[in-house]
Amino acid sequence: METQQTPSTCAGTPGLDVFKIAGKSVSGYVPSRKTGDDHRVRVPYTTLLEQRLSIYLEYHPHVRCYQRGDASEAFVPAHHIAVPLGTPYPIDYFYEGKAHKYLPDFIGTLCDGGLLIAEAGREEEKSQRRAIAKAEAAQRLAQLKGGVYWLGTNENLSECRHYNLIYLHARRRSFSTYQEIVTTLPAQWPWGRDI
């Protein structure tokens, strides 16, 4: 079951220029092999918590691919990022009796085809009533599409784990191709011995 969504054409959900919202925060790109495109391998972030969550998603074994869910349609070609699920990815929610649209930080596909919605932020911010309404709407949508909603905060995205993943990420090697394995294996194989 492949989760696909075409880019939004809804009025009132233009998406964001991700780096304009960054202001004075740290922003940049995480190199990723889970963008769904072998040539566009960058995932932007605007805060350190978003960077931590992006690296966490990169190494999580159940995540097939992920992307920004709040980028504008103009931001995507300008920054050469992959968006296989379309962007922006608005989620409808109600707060104080009014309808609103929420753009999650990250969306993606799990290995079983379910929808992944992931949000990063400080614990204090994400425990506010409006943020809880957004999280509940995202969780309902993810469950309807056979997926999950993950909330990464300063409490559950360990700084120590993050630095360990950064260390691994900096030293990450490509997967061996079949030809590389075929040429290396005979030299290493203990011929004549049972294993």
C-alpha atoms as a PDB file:
ATOM      1  CA  MET A   1       0.000   0.000   0.000  1.00  0.00           C
ATOM      2  CA  GLU A   2       1.854   3.068  -1.268  1.00  0.00           C
ATOM      3  CA  THR A   3       0.830   6.407   0.239  1.00  0.00           C
ATOM      4  CA  GLN A   4       0.785   9.063  -2.460  1.00  0.00           C
ATOM      5  CA  GLN A   5      -0.471  12.630  -2.387  1.00  0.00           C
ATOM      6  CA  THR A   6      -0.300  15.141  -5.162  1.00  0.00           C
ATOM      7  CA  PRO A   7       0.949  18.636  -4.384  1.00  0.00           C
ATOM      8  CA  SER A   8      -1.664  20.741  -2.640  1.00  0.00           C
ATOM      9  CA  THR A   9      -3.682  23.186  -4.672  1.00  0.00           C
ATOM     10  CA  CYS A  10      -5.840  24.325  -1.748  1.00  0.00           C
ATOM     11  CA  ALA A  11      -6.111  28.076  -1.376  1.00  0.00           C
ATOM     12  CA  GLY A  12      -4.699  29.236   1.926  1.00  0.00           C
ATOM     13  CA  THR A  13      -2.004  26.549   2.186  1.00  0.00           C
ATOM     14  CA  PRO A  14       0.885  27.938   0.169  1.00  0.00           C
ATOM     15  CA  GLY A  15       3.565  26.220   2.254  1.00  0.00           C
ATOM     16  CA  LEU A  16       6.659  27.895   3.593  1.00  0.00           C
ATOM     17  CA  ASP A  17      10.049  29.007   2.454  1.00  0.00           C
ATOM     18  CA  VAL A  18      11.623  26.835   5.105  1.00  0.00           C
ATOM     19  CA  PHE A  19      14.729  28.980   5.554  1.00  0.00           C
ATOM     20  CA  LYS A  20      12.769  32.242   5.878  1.00  0.00           C
ATOM     21  CA  ILE A  21      11.025  30.907   8.977  1.00  0.00           C
ATOM     22  CA  ALA A  22      14.360  29.949  10.473  1.00  0.00           C
ATOM     23  CA  GLY A  23      15.172  33.527  11.483  1.00  0.00           C
ATOM     24  CA  LYS A  24      18.178  33.432  13.776  1.00  0.00           C
ATOM     25  CA  SER A  25      18.021  29.692  14.397  1.00  0.00           C
ATOM     26  CA  VAL A  26      20.405  27.130  13.008  1.00  0.00           C
ATOM     27  CA  SER A  27      19.399  25.922   9.565  1.00  0.00           C
ATOM     28  CA  GLY A  28      20.878  23.727   6.882  1.00  0.00           C
ATOM     29  CA  TYR A  29      20.551  20.379   5.162  1.00  0.00           C
ATOM     30  CA  VAL A  30      20.915  16.777   6.274  1.00  0.00           C
ATOM     31  CA  PRO A  31      22.316  14.536   3.514  1.00  0.00           C
ATOM     32  CA  SER A  32      19.847  11.674   3.191  1.00  0.00           C
ATOM     33  CA  ARG A  33      19.492   8.362   1.409  1.00  0.00           C
ATOM     34  CA  LYS A  34      15.800   8.272   2.272  1.00  0.00           C
ATOM     35  CA  THR A  35      14.514  11.100   0.090  1.00  0.00           C
ATOM     36  CA  GLY A  36      13.055   8.779  -2.526  1.00  0.00           C
ATOM     37  CA  ASP A  37      15.352  10.282  -5.197  1.00  0.00           C
ATOM     38  CA  ASP A  38      18.949   9.181  -5.809  1.00  0.00           C
ATOM     39  CA  HIS A  39      19.948  12.601  -7.151  1.00  0.00           C
ATOM     40  CA  ARG A  40      18.249  14.965  -4.693  1.00  0.00           C
ATOM     41  CA  VAL A  41      19.608  13.883  -1.345  1.00  0.00           C
ATOM     42  CA  ARG A  42      19.136  16.901   0.915  1.00  0.00           C
ATOM     43  CA  VAL A  43      16.521  17.376   3.623  1.00  0.00           C
ATOM     44  CA  PRO A  44      16.367  20.930   5.022  1.00  0.00           C
ATOM     45  CA  TYR A  45      15.990  21.747   8.715  1.00  0.00           C
ATOM     46  CA  THR A  46      15.485  25.044  10.541  1.00  0.00           C
ATOM     47  CA  THR A  47      16.180  24.124  14.164  1.00  0.00           C
ATOM     48  CA  LEU A  48      18.527  21.792  15.974  1.00  0.00           C
ATOM     49  CA  LEU A  49      15.552  19.682  17.072  1.00  0.00           C
ATOM     50  CA  GLU A  50      14.486  19.306  13.436  1.00  0.00           C
ATOM     51  CA  GLN A  51      18.046  18.260  12.605  1.00  0.00           C
ATOM     52  CA  ARG A  52      17.953  15.683  15.407  1.00  0.00           C
ATOM     53  CA  LEU A  53      14.608  14.348  14.213  1.00  0.00           C
ATOM     54  CA  SER A  54      15.810  14.195  10.602  1.00  0.00           C
ATOM     55  CA  ILE A  55      18.894  12.177  11.569  1.00  0.00           C
ATOM     56  CA  TYR A  56      16.704   9.932  13.745  1.00  0.00           C
ATOM     57  CA  LEU A  57      14.372   9.294  10.781  1.00  0.00           C
ATOM     58  CA  GLU A  58      17.379   8.657   8.551  1.00  0.00           C
ATOM     59  CA  TYR A  59      18.531   5.760  10.718  1.00  0.00           C
ATOM     60  CA  HIS A  60      15.168   4.408  11.863  1.00  0.00           C
ATOM     61  CA  PRO A  61      14.708   0.948  10.311  1.00  0.00           C
ATOM     62  CA  HIS A  62      10.945   1.365   9.732  1.00  0.00           C
ATOM     63  CA  VAL A  63      11.246   4.599   7.708  1.00  0.00           C
ATOM     64  CA  ARG A  64      11.459   4.062   3.925  1.00  0.00           C
ATOM     65  CA  CYS A  65      11.567   7.736   2.909  1.00  0.00           C
ATOM     66  CA  TYR A  66      10.836  11.136   4.396  1.00  0.00           C
ATOM     67  CA  GLN A  67      10.665  14.773   3.323  1.00  0.00           C
ATOM     68  CA  ARG A  68       9.641  18.223   4.518  1.00  0.00           C
ATOM     69  CA  GLY A  69       5.888  18.555   4.887  1.00  0.00           C
ATOM     70  CA  ASP A  70       5.807  22.341   5.146  1.00  0.00           C
ATOM     71  CA  ALA A  71       7.919  23.482   2.190  1.00  0.00           C
ATOM     72  CA  SER A  72       6.335  25.678  -0.460  1.00  0.00           C
ATOM     73  CA  GLU A  73       6.078  24.578  -4.071  1.00  0.00           C
ATOM     74  CA  ALA A  74       8.566  27.349  -4.991  1.00  0.00           C
ATOM     75  CA  PHE A  75      11.073  26.245  -2.323  1.00  0.00           C
ATOM     76  CA  VAL A  76      11.369  22.704  -3.719  1.00  0.00           C
ATOM     77  CA  PRO A  77      12.918  23.448  -7.141  1.00  0.00           C
ATOM     78  CA  ALA A  78      14.891  26.416  -5.792  1.00  0.00           C
ATOM     79  CA  HIS A  79      16.670  24.205  -3.243  1.00  0.00           C
ATOM     80  CA  HIS A  80      16.618  20.937  -5.225  1.00  0.00           C
ATOM     81  CA  ILE A  81      14.854  18.814  -2.624  1.00  0.00           C
ATOM     82  CA  ALA A  82      12.823  15.660  -3.219  1.00  0.00           C
ATOM     83  CA  VAL A  83       9.129  15.596  -2.302  1.00  0.00           C
ATOM     84  CA  PRO A  84       7.656  12.259  -3.429  1.00  0.00           C
ATOM     85  CA  LEU A  85       4.503  12.815  -1.338  1.00  0.00           C
ATOM     86  CA  GLY A  86       3.920  16.338  -2.609  1.00  0.00           C
ATOM     87  CA  THR A  87       4.274  19.608  -0.773  1.00  0.00           C
ATOM     88  CA  PRO A  88       2.916  21.333   1.159  1.00  0.00           C
ATOM     89  CA  TYR A  89       1.115  18.558   3.013  1.00  0.00           C
ATOM     90  CA  PRO A  90      -1.731  20.311   4.879  1.00  0.00           C
ATOM     91  CA  ILE A  91      -3.611  18.607   7.687  1.00  0.00           C
ATOM     92  CA  ASP A  92      -7.001  20.017   8.693  1.00  0.00           C
ATOM     93  CA  TYR A  93      -7.691  20.529  12.400  1.00  0.00           C
ATOM     94  CA  PHE A  94     -10.117  22.420  14.605  1.00  0.00           C
ATOM     95  CA  TYR A  95      -9.052  24.762  17.364  1.00  0.00           C
ATOM     96  CA  GLU A  96     -11.398  26.959  19.388  1.00  0.00           C
ATOM     97  CA  GLY A  97     -14.254  26.140  17.027  1.00  0.00           C
ATOM     98  CA  LYS A  98     -12.451  27.230  13.848  1.00  0.00           C
ATOM     99  CA  ALA A  99     -10.938  25.183  11.028  1.00  0.00           C
ATOM    100  CA  HIS A 100      -7.196  25.543  10.469  1.00  0.00           C
ATOM    101  CA  LYS A 101      -4.502  23.896   8.377  1.00  0.00           C
ATOM    102  CA  TYR A 102      -1.361  22.456   9.919  1.00  0.00           C
ATOM    103  CA  LEU A 103       1.855  21.783   7.970  1.00  0.00           C
ATOM    104  CA  PRO A 104       3.980  19.113   9.700  1.00  0.00           C
ATOM    105  CA  ASP A 105       7.772  19.341   9.759  1.00  0.00           C
ATOM    106  CA  PHE A 106       8.286  15.940   8.126  1.00  0.00           C
ATOM    107  CA  ILE A 107       6.135  13.399   6.321  1.00  0.00           C
ATOM    108  CA  GLY A 108       7.169  10.091   4.863  1.00  0.00           C
ATOM    109  CA  THR A 109       6.438   6.488   4.123  1.00  0.00           C
ATOM    110  CA  LEU A 110       7.072   3.561   6.431  1.00  0.00           C
ATOM    111  CA  CYS A 111       8.449   0.262   5.142  1.00  0.00           C
ATOM    112  CA  ASP A 112       4.957  -1.262   5.304  1.00  0.00           C
ATOM    113  CA  GLY A 113       3.548   1.607   3.195  1.00  0.00           C
ATOM    114  CA  GLY A 114       1.941   3.523   6.061  1.00  0.00           C
ATOM    115  CA  LEU A 115       2.092   7.304   6.389  1.00  0.00           C
ATOM    116  CA  LEU A 116       4.675   8.831   8.714  1.00  0.00           C
ATOM    117  CA  ILE A 117       4.035  12.288  10.153  1.00  0.00           C
ATOM    118  CA  ALA A 118       6.803  13.678  12.354  1.00  0.00           C
ATOM    119  CA  GLU A 119       7.027  16.959  14.223  1.00  0.00           C
ATOM    120  CA  ALA A 120       9.923  18.469  16.171  1.00  0.00           C
ATOM    121  CA  GLY A 121       9.733  21.086  18.894  1.00  0.00           C
ATOM    122  CA  ARG A 122      10.395  21.969  22.494  1.00  0.00           C
ATOM    123  CA  GLU A 123       8.363  20.135  25.117  1.00  0.00           C
ATOM    124  CA  GLU A 124       6.937  23.422  26.460  1.00  0.00           C
ATOM    125  CA  GLU A 125       5.652  24.437  23.010  1.00  0.00           C
ATOM    126  CA  LYS A 126       4.199  21.051  22.114  1.00  0.00           C
ATOM    127  CA  SER A 127       2.205  20.817  25.358  1.00  0.00           C
ATOM    128  CA  GLN A 128       0.172  23.952  24.507  1.00  0.00           C
ATOM    129  CA  ARG A 129      -3.507  23.452  23.595  1.00  0.00           C
ATOM    130  CA  ARG A 130      -3.128  24.486  19.945  1.00  0.00           C
ATOM    131  CA  ALA A 131      -0.131  22.175  19.439  1.00  0.00           C
ATOM    132  CA  ILE A 132      -2.082  19.319  21.052  1.00  0.00           C
ATOM    133  CA  ALA A 133      -4.980  19.919  18.616  1.00  0.00           C
ATOM    134  CA  LYS A 134      -2.512  19.741  15.701  1.00  0.00           C
ATOM    135  CA  ALA A 135      -0.931  16.561  17.073  1.00  0.00           C
ATOM    136  CA  GLU A 136      -4.315  14.864  17.527  1.00  0.00           C
ATOM    137  CA  ALA A 137      -5.332  15.696  13.938  1.00  0.00           C
ATOM    138  CA  ALA A 138      -1.997  14.426  12.597  1.00  0.00           C
ATOM    139  CA  GLN A 139      -2.286  11.245  14.655  1.00  0.00           C
ATOM    140  CA  ARG A 140      -5.816  10.578  13.335  1.00  0.00           C
ATOM    141  CA  LEU A 141      -4.711  11.087   9.719  1.00  0.00           C
ATOM    142  CA  ALA A 142      -1.672   8.847  10.181  1.00  0.00           C
ATOM    143  CA  GLN A 143      -3.827   6.091  11.712  1.00  0.00           C
ATOM    144  CA  LEU A 144      -6.342   6.357   8.851  1.00  0.00           C
ATOM    145  CA  LYS A 145      -3.472   5.813   6.402  1.00  0.00           C
ATOM    146  CA  GLY A 146      -1.986   2.898   8.358  1.00  0.00           C
ATOM    147  CA  GLY A 147       0.874   4.932   9.769  1.00  0.00           C
ATOM    148  CA  VAL A 148       2.145   6.747  12.832  1.00  0.00           C
ATOM    149  CA  TYR A 149       2.648  10.244  14.220  1.00  0.00           C
ATOM    150  CA  TRP A 150       5.961  10.876  15.957  1.00  0.00           C
ATOM    151  CA  LEU A 151       6.705  13.892  18.105  1.00  0.00           C
ATOM    152  CA  GLY A 152      10.386  14.622  18.682  1.00  0.00           C
ATOM    153  CA  THR A 153      11.096  16.960  21.594  1.00  0.00           C
ATOM    154  CA  ASN A 154      14.094  18.045  23.611  1.00  0.00           C
ATOM    155  CA  GLU A 155      13.035  15.370  26.129  1.00  0.00           C
ATOM    156  CA  ASN A 156      12.955  12.333  23.814  1.00  0.00           C
ATOM    157  CA  LEU A 157      15.552  13.215  21.151  1.00  0.00           C
ATOM    158  CA  SER A 158      18.670  12.470  23.164  1.00  0.00           C
ATOM    159  CA  GLU A 159      21.642  14.709  22.446  1.00  0.00           C
ATOM    160  CA  CYS A 160      24.036  11.810  23.072  1.00  0.00           C
ATOM    161  CA  ARG A 161      22.212   9.548  20.585  1.00  0.00           C
ATOM    162  CA  HIS A 162      22.132  12.408  18.092  1.00  0.00           C
ATOM    163  CA  TYR A 163      25.905  12.871  18.243  1.00  0.00           C
ATOM    164  CA  ASN A 164      26.406   9.118  17.856  1.00  0.00           C
ATOM    165  CA  LEU A 165      24.196   9.165  14.748  1.00  0.00           C
ATOM    166  CA  ILE A 166      26.068  12.222  13.411  1.00  0.00           C
ATOM    167  CA  TYR A 167      29.332  10.295  13.889  1.00  0.00           C
ATOM    168  CA  LEU A 168      27.907   7.346  11.929  1.00  0.00           C
ATOM    169  CA  HIS A 169      26.422   9.643   9.297  1.00  0.00           C
ATOM    170  CA  ALA A 170      29.774  11.320   8.631  1.00  0.00           C
ATOM    171  CA  ARG A 171      31.416   7.930   8.061  1.00  0.00           C
ATOM    172  CA  ARG A 172      28.573   6.304   6.156  1.00  0.00           C
ATOM    173  CA  ARG A 173      29.622   4.225   3.193  1.00  0.00           C
ATOM    174  CA  SER A 174      27.656   3.233   0.163  1.00  0.00           C
ATOM    175  CA  PHE A 175      26.104  -0.191   0.009  1.00  0.00           C
ATOM    176  CA  SER A 176      28.164  -2.627  -1.997  1.00  0.00           C
ATOM    177  CA  THR A 177      26.902  -3.393  -5.452  1.00  0.00           C
ATOM    178  CA  TYR A 178      26.415  -6.966  -6.558  1.00  0.00           C
ATOM    179  CA  GLN A 179      29.561  -6.801  -8.705  1.00  0.00           C
ATOM    180  CA  GLU A 180      31.684  -5.623  -5.758  1.00  0.00           C
ATOM    181  CA  ILE A 181      30.394  -8.499  -3.634  1.00  0.00           C
ATOM    182  CA  VAL A 182      30.990 -11.063  -6.411  1.00  0.00           C
ATOM    183  CA  THR A 183      34.621  -9.998  -6.885  1.00  0.00           C
ATOM    184  CA  THR A 184      35.399  -9.785  -3.153  1.00  0.00           C
ATOM    185  CA  LEU A 185      33.653 -12.932  -1.935  1.00  0.00           C
ATOM    186  CA  PRO A 186      35.823 -15.614  -3.627  1.00  0.00           C
ATOM    187  CA  ALA A 187      38.988 -14.163  -2.081  1.00  0.00           C
ATOM    188  CA  GLN A 188      37.458 -14.242   1.415  1.00  0.00           C
ATOM    189  CA  TRP A 189      35.430 -17.463   1.216  1.00  0.00           C
ATOM    190  CA  PRO A 190      36.944 -20.436   3.113  1.00  0.00           C
ATOM    191  CA  TRP A 191      36.770 -22.950   0.233  1.00  0.00           C
ATOM    192  CA  GLY A 192      36.536 -26.571   1.260  1.00  0.00           C
ATOM    193  CA  ARG A 193      35.419 -25.806   4.810  1.00  0.00           C
ATOM    194  CA  ASP A 194      31.882 -25.999   6.128  1.00  0.00           C
ATOM    195  CA  ILE A 195      30.665 -22.984   7.991  1.00  0.00           C
END
